[in-house]
């Protein structure tokens, strides 16, 4: 399943990480980094375009897709039993 994540799915994953922060501190911090890159991608594309820094536009696109890519990677690792991913139920 390689569909875009909805804001509701992103929110459910974030709530899971907040609720399990003590048991999974690295996952909590990693998801925050993913959300930071996502936000930087959405906020950065307009200044990159306006300031004629077109080299930054692909980075912004990558940032915008980071949550979807991260969830897909975790889903794949979980399916191969390389990583256990308890919050996958939060992302449909």
N, C-alpha and C. Protein backbone atom coordinates (compact mmCIF):
# COMPACT_ATOMS: atom_id res chain seq x y z
N UNK A 1 0.85 -1.18 0.00
CA UNK A 1 0.00 0.00 0.00
C UNK A 1 0.89 1.24 0.00
N UNK A 2 0.85 1.99 -1.04
CA UNK A 2 1.72 3.14 -1.15
C UNK A 2 0.91 4.42 -1.35
N UNK A 3 -0.13 4.58 -0.57
CA UNK A 3 -1.00 5.74 -0.70
C UNK A 3 -0.50 6.86 0.21
N UNK A 4 -0.85 8.11 -0.10
CA UNK A 4 -0.47 9.22 0.78
C UNK A 4 -1.15 9.07 2.14
N UNK A 5 -0.43 9.46 3.17
CA UNK A 5 -1.01 9.42 4.51
C UNK A 5 -1.94 10.62 4.69
N UNK A 6 -3.03 10.39 5.35
CA UNK A 6 -3.92 11.50 5.67
C UNK A 6 -3.44 12.15 6.96
N UNK A 7 -3.91 13.35 7.21
CA UNK A 7 -3.55 14.01 8.47
C UNK A 7 -4.04 13.21 9.67
N UNK A 8 -5.18 12.53 9.52
CA UNK A 8 -5.72 11.72 10.60
C UNK A 8 -4.77 10.55 10.91
N UNK A 9 -4.23 9.92 9.89
CA UNK A 9 -3.29 8.82 10.10
C UNK A 9 -2.00 9.32 10.76
N UNK A 10 -1.50 10.46 10.29
CA UNK A 10 -0.30 11.05 10.90
C UNK A 10 -0.56 11.37 12.36
N UNK A 11 -1.74 11.88 12.64
CA UNK A 11 -2.10 12.21 14.02
C UNK A 11 -2.20 10.95 14.89
N UNK A 12 -2.80 9.89 14.37
CA UNK A 12 -2.89 8.64 15.14
C UNK A 12 -1.51 8.07 15.44
N UNK A 13 -0.61 8.13 14.46
CA UNK A 13 0.75 7.63 14.70
C UNK A 13 1.43 8.49 15.77
N UNK A 14 1.26 9.79 15.68
CA UNK A 14 1.86 10.69 16.68
C UNK A 14 1.30 10.40 18.07
N UNK A 15 -0.01 10.19 18.16
CA UNK A 15 -0.61 9.88 19.47
C UNK A 15 -0.04 8.58 20.03
N UNK A 16 0.18 7.58 19.18
CA UNK A 16 0.76 6.32 19.63
C UNK A 16 2.16 6.56 20.17
N UNK A 17 2.96 7.36 19.45
CA UNK A 17 4.32 7.63 19.91
C UNK A 17 4.34 8.40 21.22
N UNK A 18 3.44 9.34 21.38
CA UNK A 18 3.36 10.09 22.64
C UNK A 18 2.96 9.16 23.78
N UNK A 19 2.01 8.29 23.55
CA UNK A 19 1.54 7.37 24.59
C UNK A 19 2.60 6.35 24.98
N UNK A 20 3.49 6.00 24.06
CA UNK A 20 4.50 4.97 24.32
C UNK A 20 5.92 5.55 24.34
N UNK A 21 6.02 6.82 24.66
CA UNK A 21 7.31 7.50 24.64
C UNK A 21 8.32 6.86 25.59
N UNK A 22 7.88 6.44 26.75
CA UNK A 22 8.80 5.86 27.74
C UNK A 22 9.35 4.52 27.26
N UNK A 23 8.52 3.72 26.60
CA UNK A 23 8.96 2.40 26.14
C UNK A 23 9.75 2.47 24.83
N UNK A 24 9.48 3.48 24.01
CA UNK A 24 10.10 3.58 22.69
C UNK A 24 10.62 5.01 22.44
N UNK A 25 11.61 5.45 23.21
CA UNK A 25 12.06 6.85 23.06
C UNK A 25 12.71 7.14 21.69
N UNK A 26 13.43 6.17 21.14
CA UNK A 26 14.07 6.40 19.84
C UNK A 26 13.02 6.54 18.74
N UNK A 27 12.00 5.69 18.76
CA UNK A 27 10.92 5.80 17.76
C UNK A 27 10.21 7.14 17.89
N UNK A 28 10.02 7.59 19.13
CA UNK A 28 9.37 8.89 19.36
C UNK A 28 10.18 10.01 18.70
N UNK A 29 11.48 10.02 18.95
CA UNK A 29 12.34 11.06 18.39
C UNK A 29 12.43 10.95 16.87
N UNK A 30 12.47 9.74 16.36
CA UNK A 30 12.54 9.53 14.92
C UNK A 30 11.28 10.04 14.22
N UNK A 31 10.12 9.77 14.82
CA UNK A 31 8.87 10.27 14.22
C UNK A 31 8.82 11.79 14.26
N UNK A 32 9.35 12.40 15.34
CA UNK A 32 9.42 13.86 15.38
C UNK A 32 10.32 14.40 14.28
N UNK A 33 11.42 13.72 14.00
CA UNK A 33 12.31 14.14 12.91
C UNK A 33 11.60 14.02 11.56
N UNK A 34 10.83 12.94 11.39
CA UNK A 34 10.07 12.75 10.15
C UNK A 34 9.07 13.90 9.98
N UNK A 35 8.37 14.25 11.05
CA UNK A 35 7.39 15.34 10.97
C UNK A 35 8.07 16.68 10.74
N UNK A 36 9.27 16.86 11.29
CA UNK A 36 10.03 18.10 11.07
C UNK A 36 10.41 18.23 9.59
N UNK A 37 10.89 17.15 9.00
CA UNK A 37 11.24 17.17 7.57
C UNK A 37 10.00 17.41 6.71
N UNK A 38 8.88 16.82 7.10
CA UNK A 38 7.62 17.01 6.39
C UNK A 38 7.21 18.49 6.40
N UNK A 39 7.29 19.09 7.57
CA UNK A 39 6.92 20.50 7.71
C UNK A 39 7.90 21.40 6.95
N UNK A 40 9.19 21.10 7.03
CA UNK A 40 10.17 21.89 6.30
C UNK A 40 9.93 21.81 4.79
N UNK A 41 9.53 20.63 4.32
CA UNK A 41 9.23 20.48 2.90
C UNK A 41 8.06 21.35 2.47
N UNK A 42 6.99 21.34 3.27
CA UNK A 42 5.81 22.12 2.91
C UNK A 42 6.05 23.62 3.03
N UNK A 43 6.81 24.02 4.05
CA UNK A 43 7.05 25.45 4.26
C UNK A 43 8.13 25.97 3.32
N UNK A 44 9.07 25.12 2.94
CA UNK A 44 10.23 25.59 2.19
C UNK A 44 10.06 25.74 0.70
N UNK A 45 9.05 25.11 0.11
CA UNK A 45 8.97 25.16 -1.35
C UNK A 45 8.70 26.56 -1.88
N UNK A 46 7.85 27.33 -1.20
CA UNK A 46 7.53 28.67 -1.70
C UNK A 46 8.74 29.60 -1.64
N UNK A 47 9.46 29.68 -0.50
CA UNK A 47 10.67 30.52 -0.50
C UNK A 47 11.72 30.03 -1.50
N UNK A 48 11.85 28.72 -1.65
CA UNK A 48 12.82 28.20 -2.62
C UNK A 48 12.47 28.67 -4.03
N UNK A 49 11.20 28.63 -4.36
CA UNK A 49 10.76 29.07 -5.68
C UNK A 49 10.90 30.59 -5.83
N UNK A 50 10.47 31.33 -4.79
CA UNK A 50 10.50 32.79 -4.84
C UNK A 50 11.92 33.34 -4.87
N UNK A 51 12.85 32.68 -4.21
CA UNK A 51 14.24 33.14 -4.17
C UNK A 51 15.09 32.52 -5.26
N UNK A 52 14.43 31.85 -6.20
CA UNK A 52 15.11 31.24 -7.35
C UNK A 52 16.16 30.23 -6.92
N UNK A 53 15.87 29.52 -5.83
CA UNK A 53 16.74 28.44 -5.37
C UNK A 53 16.10 27.12 -5.80
N UNK A 54 16.00 26.94 -7.09
CA UNK A 54 15.30 25.78 -7.62
C UNK A 54 15.98 24.46 -7.26
N UNK A 55 17.24 24.50 -6.89
CA UNK A 55 17.95 23.30 -6.45
C UNK A 55 17.31 22.74 -5.18
N UNK A 56 16.62 23.58 -4.40
CA UNK A 56 16.02 23.15 -3.14
C UNK A 56 14.65 22.51 -3.34
N UNK A 57 14.04 22.70 -4.48
CA UNK A 57 12.70 22.15 -4.71
C UNK A 57 12.64 20.63 -4.61
N UNK A 58 13.60 19.87 -5.18
CA UNK A 58 13.56 18.42 -4.98
C UNK A 58 13.69 18.01 -3.51
N UNK A 59 14.47 18.77 -2.75
CA UNK A 59 14.59 18.49 -1.32
C UNK A 59 13.27 18.73 -0.61
N UNK A 60 12.56 19.78 -1.02
CA UNK A 60 11.25 20.06 -0.43
C UNK A 60 10.27 18.94 -0.77
N UNK A 61 10.29 18.46 -2.00
CA UNK A 61 9.42 17.35 -2.39
C UNK A 61 9.73 16.10 -1.59
N UNK A 62 11.01 15.84 -1.39
CA UNK A 62 11.41 14.69 -0.59
C UNK A 62 10.91 14.85 0.85
N UNK A 63 11.03 16.06 1.40
CA UNK A 63 10.53 16.32 2.74
C UNK A 63 9.03 16.12 2.86
N UNK A 64 8.30 16.54 1.83
CA UNK A 64 6.85 16.36 1.84
C UNK A 64 6.46 14.89 1.83
N UNK A 65 7.27 14.06 1.22
CA UNK A 65 6.96 12.64 1.13
C UNK A 65 7.56 11.80 2.25
N UNK A 66 8.29 12.43 3.15
CA UNK A 66 8.99 11.68 4.20
C UNK A 66 8.07 10.81 5.06
N UNK A 67 6.93 11.29 5.55
CA UNK A 67 6.10 10.40 6.37
C UNK A 67 5.64 9.15 5.62
N UNK A 68 5.23 9.31 4.38
CA UNK A 68 4.78 8.17 3.59
C UNK A 68 5.92 7.19 3.35
N UNK A 69 7.10 7.72 3.03
CA UNK A 69 8.26 6.86 2.80
C UNK A 69 8.67 6.13 4.07
N UNK A 70 8.64 6.83 5.20
CA UNK A 70 9.02 6.24 6.47
C UNK A 70 8.06 5.11 6.87
N UNK A 71 6.77 5.36 6.72
CA UNK A 71 5.77 4.34 7.06
C UNK A 71 5.90 3.14 6.12
N UNK A 72 6.15 3.39 4.85
CA UNK A 72 6.32 2.29 3.90
C UNK A 72 7.55 1.46 4.25
N UNK A 73 8.64 2.13 4.62
CA UNK A 73 9.86 1.42 5.01
C UNK A 73 9.63 0.59 6.27
N UNK A 74 8.95 1.18 7.27
CA UNK A 74 8.68 0.45 8.51
C UNK A 74 7.74 -0.72 8.26
N UNK A 75 6.74 -0.54 7.41
CA UNK A 75 5.81 -1.61 7.07
C UNK A 75 6.55 -2.77 6.40
N UNK A 76 7.45 -2.43 5.49
CA UNK A 76 8.23 -3.45 4.80
C UNK A 76 9.14 -4.21 5.79
N UNK A 77 9.82 -3.50 6.67
CA UNK A 77 10.70 -4.13 7.66
C UNK A 77 9.88 -4.99 8.63
N UNK A 78 8.69 -4.55 8.97
CA UNK A 78 7.82 -5.32 9.86
C UNK A 78 7.37 -6.62 9.17
N UNK A 79 7.01 -6.50 7.91
CA UNK A 79 6.57 -7.67 7.14
C UNK A 79 7.68 -8.71 7.03
N UNK A 80 8.93 -8.24 6.89
CA UNK A 80 10.07 -9.16 6.80
C UNK A 80 10.55 -9.63 8.17
N UNK A 81 9.89 -9.17 9.22
CA UNK A 81 10.21 -9.50 10.62
C UNK A 81 11.61 -9.05 11.00
N UNK A 82 12.04 -7.94 10.45
CA UNK A 82 13.32 -7.34 10.84
C UNK A 82 13.14 -6.31 11.93
N UNK A 83 11.97 -5.72 11.97
CA UNK A 83 11.64 -4.69 12.95
C UNK A 83 10.22 -4.93 13.40
N UNK A 84 9.99 -4.78 14.67
CA UNK A 84 8.62 -4.87 15.16
C UNK A 84 8.04 -3.46 15.18
N UNK A 85 6.89 -3.31 14.63
CA UNK A 85 6.28 -1.97 14.52
C UNK A 85 4.87 -2.02 15.09
N UNK A 86 4.74 -1.70 16.36
CA UNK A 86 3.45 -1.78 17.05
C UNK A 86 2.46 -0.71 16.59
N UNK A 87 2.93 0.38 16.06
CA UNK A 87 2.03 1.47 15.69
C UNK A 87 1.48 1.34 14.27
N UNK A 88 1.81 0.27 13.58
CA UNK A 88 1.29 0.10 12.23
C UNK A 88 -0.22 0.07 12.17
N UNK A 89 -0.87 -0.39 13.22
CA UNK A 89 -2.32 -0.37 13.27
C UNK A 89 -2.88 1.03 13.22
N UNK A 90 -2.04 2.03 13.57
CA UNK A 90 -2.47 3.43 13.53
C UNK A 90 -2.45 3.99 12.12
N UNK A 91 -1.69 3.35 11.24
CA UNK A 91 -1.63 3.81 9.85
C UNK A 91 -2.28 2.75 8.97
N UNK A 92 -3.44 3.08 8.43
CA UNK A 92 -4.15 2.08 7.64
C UNK A 92 -3.58 1.88 6.28
